[in-house]
Amino acid sequence: MRRLLMRVTIPAFVVMSAVAVGSFAGADGRYKKQGDRCVWDAKDSGPNQCTPVTAGRFKEEGRECVWAATETGADQCKPTKGRFKKEGSACVWNATDSGPNQCDPRKAK
């Protein structure tokens, strides 16, 4: 029984380790400072040069362009309505509001 457990456990561990290393190794891209902005460069690697005021990006979800606050990377789309609004010291996305942006989410902290 113990031998069977070792036969299953060790190969499973090796496969999981290889997958984990591969996913981290392929994680190219970083935030780079361009003037007073902090923009994502998917073709670059290394440590981030800055942190944007507001983390996130616009991404396509079906036929919609939505704000994904927990993701990094370049925007996949541009929404047809909505704007970034200043709420205290935060710059937040409001999909139902209109008008010019009140803040720049890509501004470097």
PDB file of N, CA and C in Angstrom:
ATOM      1  N   MET A   1       0.825  -1.187   0.000  1.00  0.00           N
ATOM      2  CA  MET A   1       0.000   0.000   0.000  1.00  0.00           C
ATOM      3  C   MET A   1       0.878   1.264   0.000  1.00  0.00           C
ATOM      4  N   ARG A   2       1.910   1.238   0.822  1.00  0.00           N
ATOM      5  CA  ARG A   2       2.806   2.384   0.911  1.00  0.00           C
ATOM      6  C   ARG A   2       3.531   2.625  -0.415  1.00  0.00           C
ATOM      7  N   ARG A   3       3.941   1.540  -1.053  1.00  0.00           N
ATOM      8  CA  ARG A   3       4.628   1.643  -2.335  1.00  0.00           C
ATOM      9  C   ARG A   3       3.693   2.239  -3.394  1.00  0.00           C
ATOM     10  N   LEU A   4       2.430   1.844  -3.386  1.00  0.00           N
ATOM     11  CA  LEU A   4       1.437   2.367  -4.324  1.00  0.00           C
ATOM     12  C   LEU A   4       1.230   3.859  -4.096  1.00  0.00           C
ATOM     13  N   LEU A   5       1.169   4.257  -2.841  1.00  0.00           N
ATOM     14  CA  LEU A   5       0.998   5.667  -2.506  1.00  0.00           C
ATOM     15  C   LEU A   5       2.181   6.490  -3.020  1.00  0.00           C
ATOM     16  N   MET A   6       3.391   5.985  -2.875  1.00  0.00           N
ATOM     17  CA  MET A   6       4.578   6.683  -3.356  1.00  0.00           C
ATOM     18  C   MET A   6       4.588   6.775  -4.885  1.00  0.00           C
ATOM     19  N   ARG A   7       4.127   5.716  -5.557  1.00  0.00           N
ATOM     20  CA  ARG A   7       4.078   5.729  -7.026  1.00  0.00           C
ATOM     21  C   ARG A   7       3.137   6.803  -7.546  1.00  0.00           C
ATOM     22  N   VAL A   8       2.087   7.083  -6.832  1.00  0.00           N
ATOM     23  CA  VAL A   8       1.103   8.073  -7.258  1.00  0.00           C
ATOM     24  C   VAL A   8       1.511   9.470  -6.800  1.00  0.00           C
ATOM     25  N   THR A   9       1.972   9.588  -5.574  1.00  0.00           N
ATOM     26  CA  THR A   9       2.284  10.889  -4.993  1.00  0.00           C
ATOM     27  C   THR A   9       3.470  11.574  -5.657  1.00  0.00           C
ATOM     28  N   ILE A  10       4.552  10.883  -5.866  1.00  0.00           N
ATOM     29  CA  ILE A  10       5.763  11.504  -6.426  1.00  0.00           C
ATOM     30  C   ILE A  10       5.533  12.004  -7.854  1.00  0.00           C
ATOM     31  N   PRO A  11       4.959  11.213  -8.765  1.00  0.00           N
ATOM     32  CA  PRO A  11       4.708  11.763 -10.107  1.00  0.00           C
ATOM     33  C   PRO A  11       3.734  12.944 -10.087  1.00  0.00           C
ATOM     34  N   ALA A  12       2.732  12.891  -9.215  1.00  0.00           N
ATOM     35  CA  ALA A  12       1.783  14.005  -9.125  1.00  0.00           C
ATOM     36  C   ALA A  12       2.494  15.271  -8.664  1.00  0.00           C
ATOM     37  N   PHE A  13       3.379  15.150  -7.704  1.00  0.00           N
ATOM     38  CA  PHE A  13       4.140  16.287  -7.210  1.00  0.00           C
ATOM     39  C   PHE A  13       5.037  16.863  -8.305  1.00  0.00           C
ATOM     40  N   VAL A  14       5.685  16.000  -9.059  1.00  0.00           N
ATOM     41  CA  VAL A  14       6.561  16.448 -10.146  1.00  0.00           C
ATOM     42  C   VAL A  14       5.772  17.212 -11.200  1.00  0.00           C
ATOM     43  N   VAL A  15       4.615  16.713 -11.565  1.00  0.00           N
ATOM     44  CA  VAL A  15       3.776  17.380 -12.571  1.00  0.00           C
ATOM     45  C   VAL A  15       3.303  18.736 -12.053  1.00  0.00           C
ATOM     46  N   MET A  16       2.832  18.791 -10.814  1.00  0.00           N
ATOM     47  CA  MET A  16       2.364  20.064 -10.257  1.00  0.00           C
ATOM     48  C   MET A  16       3.496  21.083 -10.179  1.00  0.00           C
ATOM     49  N   SER A  17       4.680  20.648  -9.819  1.00  0.00           N
ATOM     50  CA  SER A  17       5.827  21.559  -9.754  1.00  0.00           C
ATOM     51  C   SER A  17       6.176  22.106 -11.128  1.00  0.00           C
ATOM     52  N   ALA A  18       6.162  21.260 -12.127  1.00  0.00           N
ATOM     53  CA  ALA A  18       6.485  21.695 -13.496  1.00  0.00           C
ATOM     54  C   ALA A  18       5.460  22.705 -13.996  1.00  0.00           C
ATOM     55  N   VAL A  19       4.190  22.474 -13.705  1.00  0.00           N
ATOM     56  CA  VAL A  19       3.138  23.406 -14.123  1.00  0.00           C
ATOM     57  C   VAL A  19       3.315  24.742 -13.423  1.00  0.00           C
ATOM     58  N   ALA A  20       3.592  24.725 -12.132  1.00  0.00           N
ATOM     59  CA  ALA A  20       3.773  25.966 -11.380  1.00  0.00           C
ATOM     60  C   ALA A  20       4.967  26.749 -11.897  1.00  0.00           C
ATOM     61  N   VAL A  21       6.081  26.109 -12.115  1.00  0.00           N
ATOM     62  CA  VAL A  21       7.276  26.789 -12.617  1.00  0.00           C
ATOM     63  C   VAL A  21       7.019  27.338 -14.007  1.00  0.00           C
ATOM     64  N   GLY A  22       6.351  26.594 -14.851  1.00  0.00           N
ATOM     65  CA  GLY A  22       6.059  27.044 -16.206  1.00  0.00           C
ATOM     66  C   GLY A  22       5.149  28.252 -16.229  1.00  0.00           C
ATOM     67  N   SER A  23       4.172  28.306 -15.337  1.00  0.00           N
ATOM     68  CA  SER A  23       3.258  29.445 -15.341  1.00  0.00           C
ATOM     69  C   SER A  23       3.951  30.699 -14.842  1.00  0.00           C
ATOM     70  N   PHE A  24       4.881  30.585 -13.883  1.00  0.00           N
ATOM     71  CA  PHE A  24       5.606  31.761 -13.427  1.00  0.00           C
ATOM     72  C   PHE A  24       6.644  32.183 -14.453  1.00  0.00           C
ATOM     73  N   ALA A  25       7.279  31.252 -15.109  1.00  0.00           N
ATOM     74  CA  ALA A  25       8.317  31.583 -16.079  1.00  0.00           C
ATOM     75  C   ALA A  25       7.738  32.309 -17.284  1.00  0.00           C
ATOM     76  N   GLY A  26       6.490  32.018 -17.655  1.00  0.00           N
ATOM     77  CA  GLY A  26       5.881  32.644 -18.814  1.00  0.00           C
ATOM     78  C   GLY A  26       5.166  33.934 -18.492  1.00  0.00           C
ATOM     79  N   ALA A  27       5.270  34.420 -17.279  1.00  0.00           N
ATOM     80  CA  ALA A  27       4.541  35.610 -16.865  1.00  0.00           C
ATOM     81  C   ALA A  27       5.324  36.865 -17.223  1.00  0.00           C
ATOM     82  N   ASP A  28       5.449  37.156 -18.513  1.00  0.00           N
ATOM     83  CA  ASP A  28       6.139  38.355 -18.962  1.00  0.00           C
ATOM     84  C   ASP A  28       5.231  39.555 -18.822  1.00  0.00           C
ATOM     85  N   GLY A  29       5.847  40.712 -18.824  1.00  0.00           N
ATOM     86  CA  GLY A  29       5.120  41.965 -18.733  1.00  0.00           C
ATOM     87  C   GLY A  29       5.411  42.646 -17.406  1.00  0.00           C
ATOM     88  N   ARG A  30       5.364  43.970 -17.453  1.00  0.00           N
ATOM     89  CA  ARG A  30       5.557  44.744 -16.232  1.00  0.00           C
ATOM     90  C   ARG A  30       5.057  46.161 -16.458  1.00  0.00           C
ATOM     91  N   TYR A  31       4.841  46.862 -15.345  1.00  0.00           N
ATOM     92  CA  TYR A  31       4.467  48.269 -15.416  1.00  0.00           C
ATOM     93  C   TYR A  31       5.725  49.101 -15.605  1.00  0.00           C
ATOM     94  N   LYS A  32       5.666  50.035 -16.567  1.00  0.00           N
ATOM     95  CA  LYS A  32       6.796  50.913 -16.851  1.00  0.00           C
ATOM     96  C   LYS A  32       6.345  52.364 -16.728  1.00  0.00           C
ATOM     97  N   LYS A  33       7.239  53.175 -16.229  1.00  0.00           N
ATOM     98  CA  LYS A  33       6.947  54.591 -16.069  1.00  0.00           C
ATOM     99  C   LYS A  33       7.176  55.308 -17.389  1.00  0.00           C
ATOM    100  N   GLN A  34       6.166  56.044 -17.841  1.00  0.00           N
ATOM    101  CA  GLN A  34       6.262  56.867 -19.053  1.00  0.00           C
ATOM    102  C   GLN A  34       5.755  58.250 -18.686  1.00  0.00           C
ATOM    103  N   GLY A  35       6.677  59.154 -18.409  1.00  0.00           N
ATOM    104  CA  GLY A  35       6.301  60.477 -17.910  1.00  0.00           C
ATOM    105  C   GLY A  35       5.706  60.321 -16.519  1.00  0.00           C
ATOM    106  N   ASP A  36       4.487  60.848 -16.320  1.00  0.00           N
ATOM    107  CA  ASP A  36       3.837  60.686 -15.015  1.00  0.00           C
ATOM    108  C   ASP A  36       2.837  59.526 -15.019  1.00  0.00           C
ATOM    109  N   ARG A  37       2.850  58.746 -16.105  1.00  0.00           N
ATOM    110  CA  ARG A  37       1.935  57.605 -16.229  1.00  0.00           C
ATOM    111  C   ARG A  37       2.649  56.296 -15.950  1.00  0.00           C
ATOM    112  N   CYS A  38       1.866  55.296 -15.594  1.00  0.00           N
ATOM    113  CA  CYS A  38       2.362  53.950 -15.312  1.00  0.00           C
ATOM    114  C   CYS A  38       1.607  53.010 -16.247  1.00  0.00           C
ATOM    115  N   VAL A  39       2.276  52.524 -17.285  1.00  0.00           N
ATOM    116  CA  VAL A  39       1.605  51.734 -18.322  1.00  0.00           C
ATOM    117  C   VAL A  39       2.137  50.310 -18.364  1.00  0.00           C
ATOM    118  N   TRP A  40       1.295  49.394 -18.797  1.00  0.00           N
ATOM    119  CA  TRP A  40       1.653  47.980 -18.889  1.00  0.00           C
ATOM    120  C   TRP A  40       2.377  47.723 -20.201  1.00  0.00           C
ATOM    121  N   ASP A  41       3.509  47.038 -20.129  1.00  0.00           N
ATOM    122  CA  ASP A  41       4.247  46.625 -21.318  1.00  0.00           C
ATOM    123  C   ASP A  41       4.358  45.108 -21.284  1.00  0.00           C
ATOM    124  N   ALA A  42       3.547  44.453 -22.098  1.00  0.00           N
ATOM    125  CA  ALA A  42       3.481  42.991 -22.108  1.00  0.00           C
ATOM    126  C   ALA A  42       4.745  42.353 -22.668  1.00  0.00           C
ATOM    127  N   LYS A  43       5.533  43.102 -23.434  1.00  0.00           N
ATOM    128  CA  LYS A  43       6.718  42.533 -24.083  1.00  0.00           C
ATOM    129  C   LYS A  43       7.984  42.706 -23.252  1.00  0.00           C
ATOM    130  N   ASP A  44       7.859  43.296 -22.076  1.00  0.00           N
ATOM    131  CA  ASP A  44       9.019  43.537 -21.238  1.00  0.00           C
ATOM    132  C   ASP A  44       8.985  42.607 -20.027  1.00  0.00           C
ATOM    133  N   SER A  45      10.101  42.476 -19.349  1.00  0.00           N
ATOM    134  CA  SER A  45      10.145  41.652 -18.139  1.00  0.00           C
ATOM    135  C   SER A  45      11.018  42.351 -17.115  1.00  0.00           C
ATOM    136  N   GLY A  46      11.006  41.851 -15.917  1.00  0.00           N
ATOM    137  CA  GLY A  46      11.763  42.455 -14.832  1.00  0.00           C
ATOM    138  C   GLY A  46      10.819  43.046 -13.812  1.00  0.00           C
ATOM    139  N   PRO A  47      11.370  43.730 -12.832  1.00  0.00           N
ATOM    140  CA  PRO A  47      10.511  44.317 -11.797  1.00  0.00           C
ATOM    141  C   PRO A  47       9.736  45.512 -12.342  1.00  0.00           C
ATOM    142  N   ASN A  48       8.575  45.757 -11.775  1.00  0.00           N
ATOM    143  CA  ASN A  48       7.786  46.933 -12.146  1.00  0.00           C
ATOM    144  C   ASN A  48       8.559  48.197 -11.818  1.00  0.00           C
ATOM    145  N   GLN A  49       8.434  49.204 -12.679  1.00  0.00           N
ATOM    146  CA  GLN A  49       9.073  50.493 -12.444  1.00  0.00           C
ATOM    147  C   GLN A  49       8.162  51.430 -11.662  1.00  0.00           C
ATOM    148  N   CYS A  50       6.870  51.088 -11.595  1.00  0.00           N
ATOM    149  CA  CYS A  50       5.898  51.937 -10.928  1.00  0.00           C
ATOM    150  C   CYS A  50       4.656  51.124 -10.584  1.00  0.00           C
ATOM    151  N   THR A  51       3.728  51.765  -9.902  1.00  0.00           N
ATOM    152  CA  THR A  51       2.433  51.169  -9.587  1.00  0.00           C
ATOM    153  C   THR A  51       1.368  52.172 -10.002  1.00  0.00           C
ATOM    154  N   PRO A  52       0.366  51.766 -10.791  1.00  0.00           N
ATOM    155  CA  PRO A  52      -0.669  52.720 -11.180  1.00  0.00           C
ATOM    156  C   PRO A  52      -1.549  53.101  -9.984  1.00  0.00           C
ATOM    157  N   VAL A  53      -2.146  54.292 -10.055  1.00  0.00           N
ATOM    158  CA  VAL A  53      -3.054  54.751  -8.993  1.00  0.00           C
ATOM    159  C   VAL A  53      -4.166  53.735  -8.786  1.00  0.00           C
ATOM    160  N   THR A  54      -4.711  53.229  -9.881  1.00  0.00           N
ATOM    161  CA  THR A  54      -5.800  52.264  -9.822  1.00  0.00           C
ATOM    162  C   THR A  54      -5.395  51.007 -10.576  1.00  0.00           C
ATOM    163  N   ALA A  55      -5.359  49.892  -9.880  1.00  0.00           N
ATOM    164  CA  ALA A  55      -5.020  48.622 -10.530  1.00  0.00           C
ATOM    165  C   ALA A  55      -6.211  48.142 -11.348  1.00  0.00           C
ATOM    166  N   GLY A  56      -5.919  47.410 -12.418  1.00  0.00           N
ATOM    167  CA  GLY A  56      -6.983  46.834 -13.236  1.00  0.00           C
ATOM    168  C   GLY A  56      -6.792  47.122 -14.705  1.00  0.00           C
ATOM    169  N   ARG A  57      -7.732  46.605 -15.484  1.00  0.00           N
ATOM    170  CA  ARG A  57      -7.718  46.819 -16.926  1.00  0.00           C
ATOM    171  C   ARG A  57      -9.112  46.560 -17.483  1.00  0.00           C
ATOM    172  N   PHE A  58      -9.363  47.063 -18.687  1.00  0.00           N
ATOM    173  CA  PHE A  58     -10.612  46.756 -19.373  1.00  0.00           C
ATOM    174  C   PHE A  58     -10.426  45.450 -20.126  1.00  0.00           C
ATOM    175  N   LYS A  59     -11.415  44.577 -20.028  1.00  0.00           N
ATOM    176  CA  LYS A  59     -11.311  43.318 -20.753  1.00  0.00           C
ATOM    177  C   LYS A  59     -12.646  42.965 -21.385  1.00  0.00           C
ATOM    178  N   GLU A  60     -12.562  42.179 -22.451  1.00  0.00           N
ATOM    179  CA  GLU A  60     -13.761  41.739 -23.158  1.00  0.00           C
ATOM    180  C   GLU A  60     -14.386  40.573 -22.418  1.00  0.00           C
ATOM    181  N   GLU A  61     -15.673  40.705 -22.157  1.00  0.00           N
ATOM    182  CA  GLU A  61     -16.448  39.620 -21.560  1.00  0.00           C
ATOM    183  C   GLU A  61     -17.680  39.449 -22.430  1.00  0.00           C
ATOM    184  N   GLY A  62     -17.595  38.479 -23.314  1.00  0.00           N
ATOM    185  CA  GLY A  62     -18.668  38.331 -24.298  1.00  0.00           C
ATOM    186  C   GLY A  62     -18.656  39.511 -25.236  1.00  0.00           C
ATOM    187  N   ARG A  63     -19.767  40.232 -25.285  1.00  0.00           N
ATOM    188  CA  ARG A  63     -19.862  41.425 -26.139  1.00  0.00           C
ATOM    189  C   ARG A  63     -19.685  42.709 -25.349  1.00  0.00           C
ATOM    190  N   GLU A  64     -19.314  42.597 -24.098  1.00  0.00           N
ATOM    191  CA  GLU A  64     -19.162  43.771 -23.251  1.00  0.00           C
ATOM    192  C   GLU A  64     -17.697  44.052 -22.945  1.00  0.00           C
ATOM    193  N   CYS A  65     -17.415  45.290 -22.637  1.00  0.00           N
ATOM    194  CA  CYS A  65     -16.093  45.727 -22.207  1.00  0.00           C
ATOM    195  C   CYS A  65     -16.237  46.118 -20.736  1.00  0.00           C
ATOM    196  N   VAL A  66     -15.636  45.333 -19.844  1.00  0.00           N
ATOM    197  CA  VAL A  66     -15.819  45.543 -18.410  1.00  0.00           C
ATOM    198  C   VAL A  66     -14.488  45.845 -17.727  1.00  0.00           C
ATOM    199  N   TRP A  67     -14.558  46.503 -16.585  1.00  0.00           N
ATOM    200  CA  TRP A  67     -13.375  46.801 -15.789  1.00  0.00           C
ATOM    201  C   TRP A  67     -13.084  45.614 -14.888  1.00  0.00           C
ATOM    202  N   ALA A  68     -11.865  45.090 -14.968  1.00  0.00           N
ATOM    203  CA  ALA A  68     -11.425  43.966 -14.131  1.00  0.00           C
ATOM    204  C   ALA A  68     -10.376  44.511 -13.163  1.00  0.00           C
ATOM    205  N   ALA A  69     -10.808  44.884 -11.965  1.00  0.00           N
ATOM    206  CA  ALA A  69      -9.958  45.570 -10.993  1.00  0.00           C
ATOM    207  C   ALA A  69      -8.834  44.702 -10.447  1.00  0.00           C
ATOM    208  N   THR A  70      -8.966  43.389 -10.536  1.00  0.00           N
ATOM    209  CA  THR A  70      -7.948  42.513  -9.949  1.00  0.00           C
ATOM    210  C   THR A  70      -6.929  42.010 -10.971  1.00  0.00           C
ATOM    211  N   GLU A  71      -7.027  42.465 -12.220  1.00  0.00           N
ATOM    212  CA  GLU A  71      -6.140  41.973 -13.272  1.00  0.00           C
ATOM    213  C   GLU A  71      -5.100  43.007 -13.668  1.00  0.00           C
ATOM    214  N   THR A  72      -3.982  42.513 -14.194  1.00  0.00           N
ATOM    215  CA  THR A  72      -2.960  43.386 -14.762  1.00  0.00           C
ATOM    216  C   THR A  72      -2.880  43.092 -16.254  1.00  0.00           C
ATOM    217  N   GLY A  73      -2.268  43.983 -16.963  1.00  0.00           N
ATOM    218  CA  GLY A  73      -2.105  43.783 -18.391  1.00  0.00           C
ATOM    219  C   GLY A  73      -2.687  44.934 -19.171  1.00  0.00           C
ATOM    220  N   ALA A  74      -2.530  44.851 -20.462  1.00  0.00           N
ATOM    221  CA  ALA A  74      -3.043  45.889 -21.358  1.00  0.00           C
ATOM    222  C   ALA A  74      -4.554  45.775 -21.474  1.00  0.00           C
ATOM    223  N   ASP A  75      -5.209  46.896 -21.728  1.00  0.00           N
ATOM    224  CA  ASP A  75      -6.645  46.883 -21.967  1.00  0.00           C
ATOM    225  C   ASP A  75      -6.937  46.088 -23.234  1.00  0.00           C
ATOM    226  N   GLN A  76      -8.000  45.288 -23.206  1.00  0.00           N
ATOM    227  CA  GLN A  76      -8.423  44.519 -24.369  1.00  0.00           C
ATOM    228  C   GLN A  76      -9.456  45.275 -25.191  1.00  0.00           C
ATOM    229  N   CYS A  77     -10.060  46.319 -24.607  1.00  0.00           N
ATOM    230  CA  CYS A  77     -11.125  47.051 -25.282  1.00  0.00           C
ATOM    231  C   CYS A  77     -11.265  48.431 -24.645  1.00  0.00           C
ATOM    232  N   LYS A  78     -12.126  49.256 -25.222  1.00  0.00           N
ATOM    233  CA  LYS A  78     -12.421  50.577 -24.668  1.00  0.00           C
ATOM    234  C   LYS A  78     -13.939  50.680 -24.539  1.00  0.00           C
ATOM    235  N   PRO A  79     -14.449  50.940 -23.332  1.00  0.00           N
ATOM    236  CA  PRO A  79     -15.895  50.995 -23.166  1.00  0.00           C
ATOM    237  C   PRO A  79     -16.512  52.197 -23.881  1.00  0.00           C
ATOM    238  N   THR A  80     -17.768  52.041 -24.295  1.00  0.00           N
ATOM    239  CA  THR A  80     -18.455  53.127 -24.988  1.00  0.00           C
ATOM    240  C   THR A  80     -19.042  54.139 -24.022  1.00  0.00           C
ATOM    241  N   LYS A  81     -19.276  53.741 -22.764  1.00  0.00           N
ATOM    242  CA  LYS A  81     -19.756  54.697 -21.767  1.00  0.00           C
ATOM    243  C   LYS A  81     -19.107  54.382 -20.419  1.00  0.00           C
ATOM    244  N   GLY A  82     -19.234  55.327 -19.507  1.00  0.00           N
ATOM    245  CA  GLY A  82     -18.619  55.202 -18.199  1.00  0.00           C
ATOM    246  C   GLY A  82     -17.428  56.128 -18.094  1.00  0.00           C
ATOM    247  N   ARG A  83     -16.951  56.333 -16.866  1.00  0.00           N
ATOM    248  CA  ARG A  83     -15.790  57.185 -16.652  1.00  0.00           C
ATOM    249  C   ARG A  83     -15.151  56.886 -15.301  1.00  0.00           C
ATOM    250  N   PHE A  84     -13.905  57.308 -15.156  1.00  0.00           N
ATOM    251  CA  PHE A  84     -13.220  57.204 -13.879  1.00  0.00           C
ATOM    252  C   PHE A  84     -13.568  58.442 -13.064  1.00  0.00           C
ATOM    253  N   LYS A  85     -13.950  58.199 -11.818  1.00  0.00           N
ATOM    254  CA  LYS A  85     -14.351  59.287 -10.930  1.00  0.00           C
ATOM    255  C   LYS A  85     -13.456  59.312  -9.702  1.00  0.00           C
ATOM    256  N   LYS A  86     -13.261  60.498  -9.194  1.00  0.00           N
ATOM    257  CA  LYS A  86     -12.485  60.684  -7.970  1.00  0.00           C
ATOM    258  C   LYS A  86     -13.430  60.473  -6.791  1.00  0.00           C
ATOM    259  N   GLU A  87     -13.095  59.527  -5.939  1.00  0.00           N
ATOM    260  CA  GLU A  87     -13.843  59.289  -4.704  1.00  0.00           C
ATOM    261  C   GLU A  87     -12.857  59.362  -3.554  1.00  0.00           C
ATOM    262  N   GLY A  88     -12.778  60.529  -2.929  1.00  0.00           N
ATOM    263  CA  GLY A  88     -11.761  60.758  -1.909  1.00  0.00           C
ATOM    264  C   GLY A  88     -10.400  60.770  -2.590  1.00  0.00           C
ATOM    265  N   SER A  89      -9.509  59.907  -2.145  1.00  0.00           N
ATOM    266  CA  SER A  89      -8.189  59.834  -2.781  1.00  0.00           C
ATOM    267  C   SER A  89      -8.117  58.710  -3.813  1.00  0.00           C
ATOM    268  N   ALA A  90      -9.244  58.020  -4.027  1.00  0.00           N
ATOM    269  CA  ALA A  90      -9.274  56.895  -4.975  1.00  0.00           C
ATOM    270  C   ALA A  90      -9.784  57.337  -6.348  1.00  0.00           C
ATOM    271  N   CYS A  91      -9.359  56.601  -7.359  1.00  0.00           N
ATOM    272  CA  CYS A  91      -9.815  56.800  -8.730  1.00  0.00           C
ATOM    273  C   CYS A  91     -10.569  55.517  -9.106  1.00  0.00           C
ATOM    274  N   VAL A  92     -11.895  55.587  -9.198  1.00  0.00           N
ATOM    275  CA  VAL A  92     -12.699  54.382  -9.392  1.00  0.00           C
ATOM    276  C   VAL A  92     -13.487  54.444 -10.696  1.00  0.00           C
ATOM    277  N   TRP A  93     -13.725  53.282 -11.288  1.00  0.00           N
ATOM    278  CA  TRP A  93     -14.475  53.166 -12.526  1.00  0.00           C
ATOM    279  C   TRP A  93     -15.966  53.118 -12.210  1.00  0.00           C
ATOM    280  N   ASN A  94     -16.749  53.932 -12.933  1.00  0.00           N
ATOM    281  CA  ASN A  94     -18.205  53.920 -12.826  1.00  0.00           C
ATOM    282  C   ASN A  94     -18.747  53.700 -14.231  1.00  0.00           C
ATOM    283  N   ALA A  95     -19.275  52.510 -14.488  1.00  0.00           N
ATOM    284  CA  ALA A  95     -19.721  52.135 -15.836  1.00  0.00           C
ATOM    285  C   ALA A  95     -20.994  52.838 -16.263  1.00  0.00           C
ATOM    286  N   THR A  96     -21.754  53.407 -15.322  1.00  0.00           N
ATOM    287  CA  THR A  96     -23.040  54.024 -15.678  1.00  0.00           C
ATOM    288  C   THR A  96     -22.972  55.541 -15.749  1.00  0.00           C
ATOM    289  N   ASP A  97     -21.864  56.132 -15.399  1.00  0.00           N
ATOM    290  CA  ASP A  97     -21.729  57.588 -15.406  1.00  0.00           C
ATOM    291  C   ASP A  97     -21.227  58.049 -16.772  1.00  0.00           C
ATOM    292  N   SER A  98     -21.364  59.334 -17.040  1.00  0.00           N
ATOM    293  CA  SER A  98     -20.875  59.867 -18.313  1.00  0.00           C
ATOM    294  C   SER A  98     -20.108  61.155 -18.061  1.00  0.00           C
ATOM    295  N   GLY A  99     -19.430  61.608 -19.079  1.00  0.00           N
ATOM    296  CA  GLY A  99     -18.630  62.817 -18.968  1.00  0.00           C
ATOM    297  C   GLY A  99     -17.157  62.473 -19.018  1.00  0.00           C
ATOM    298  N   PRO A 100     -16.311  63.493 -18.918  1.00  0.00           N
ATOM    299  CA  PRO A 100     -14.870  63.233 -18.956  1.00  0.00           C
ATOM    300  C   PRO A 100     -14.396  62.570 -17.662  1.00  0.00           C
ATOM    301  N   ASN A 101     -13.309  61.827 -17.755  1.00  0.00           N
ATOM    302  CA  ASN A 101     -12.718  61.226 -16.556  1.00  0.00           C
ATOM    303  C   ASN A 101     -12.314  62.324 -15.578  1.00  0.00           C
ATOM    304  N   GLN A 102     -12.527  62.069 -14.292  1.00  0.00           N
ATOM    305  CA  GLN A 102     -12.123  63.011 -13.247  1.00  0.00           C
ATOM    306  C   GLN A 102     -10.704  62.724 -12.756  1.00  0.00           C
ATOM    307  N   CYS A 103     -10.181  61.553 -13.123  1.00  0.00           N
ATOM    308  CA  CYS A 103      -8.836  61.174 -12.697  1.00  0.00           C
ATOM    309  C   CYS A 103      -8.265  60.205 -13.730  1.00  0.00           C
ATOM    310  N   ASP A 104      -6.956  59.984 -13.646  1.00  0.00           N
ATOM    311  CA  ASP A 104      -6.263  59.090 -14.571  1.00  0.00           C
ATOM    312  C   ASP A 104      -5.822  57.835 -13.809  1.00  0.00           C
ATOM    313  N   PRO A 105      -6.447  56.668 -14.102  1.00  0.00           N
ATOM    314  CA  PRO A 105      -6.083  55.444 -13.373  1.00  0.00           C
ATOM    315  C   PRO A 105      -4.669  54.974 -13.674  1.00  0.00           C
ATOM    316  N   ARG A 106      -4.083  55.437 -14.751  1.00  0.00           N
ATOM    317  CA  ARG A 106      -2.737  55.025 -15.146  1.00  0.00           C
ATOM    318  C   ARG A 106      -1.657  55.948 -14.599  1.00  0.00           C
ATOM    319  N   LYS A 107      -2.056  56.961 -13.842  1.00  0.00           N
ATOM    320  CA  LYS A 107      -1.064  57.849 -13.251  1.00  0.00           C
ATOM    321  C   LYS A 107      -0.241  57.058 -12.237  1.00  0.00           C
ATOM    322  N   ALA A 108       1.052  57.298 -12.221  1.00  0.00           N
ATOM    323  CA  ALA A 108       1.931  56.590 -11.288  1.00  0.00           C
ATOM    324  C   ALA A 108       1.710  57.101  -9.872  1.00  0.00           C
ATOM    325  N   LYS A 109       1.730  56.174  -8.920  1.00  0.00           N
ATOM    326  CA  LYS A 109       1.591  56.574  -7.503  1.00  0.00           C
ATOM    327  C   LYS A 109       2.813  57.323  -7.062  1.00  0.00           C
TER     328      LYS A 109
END
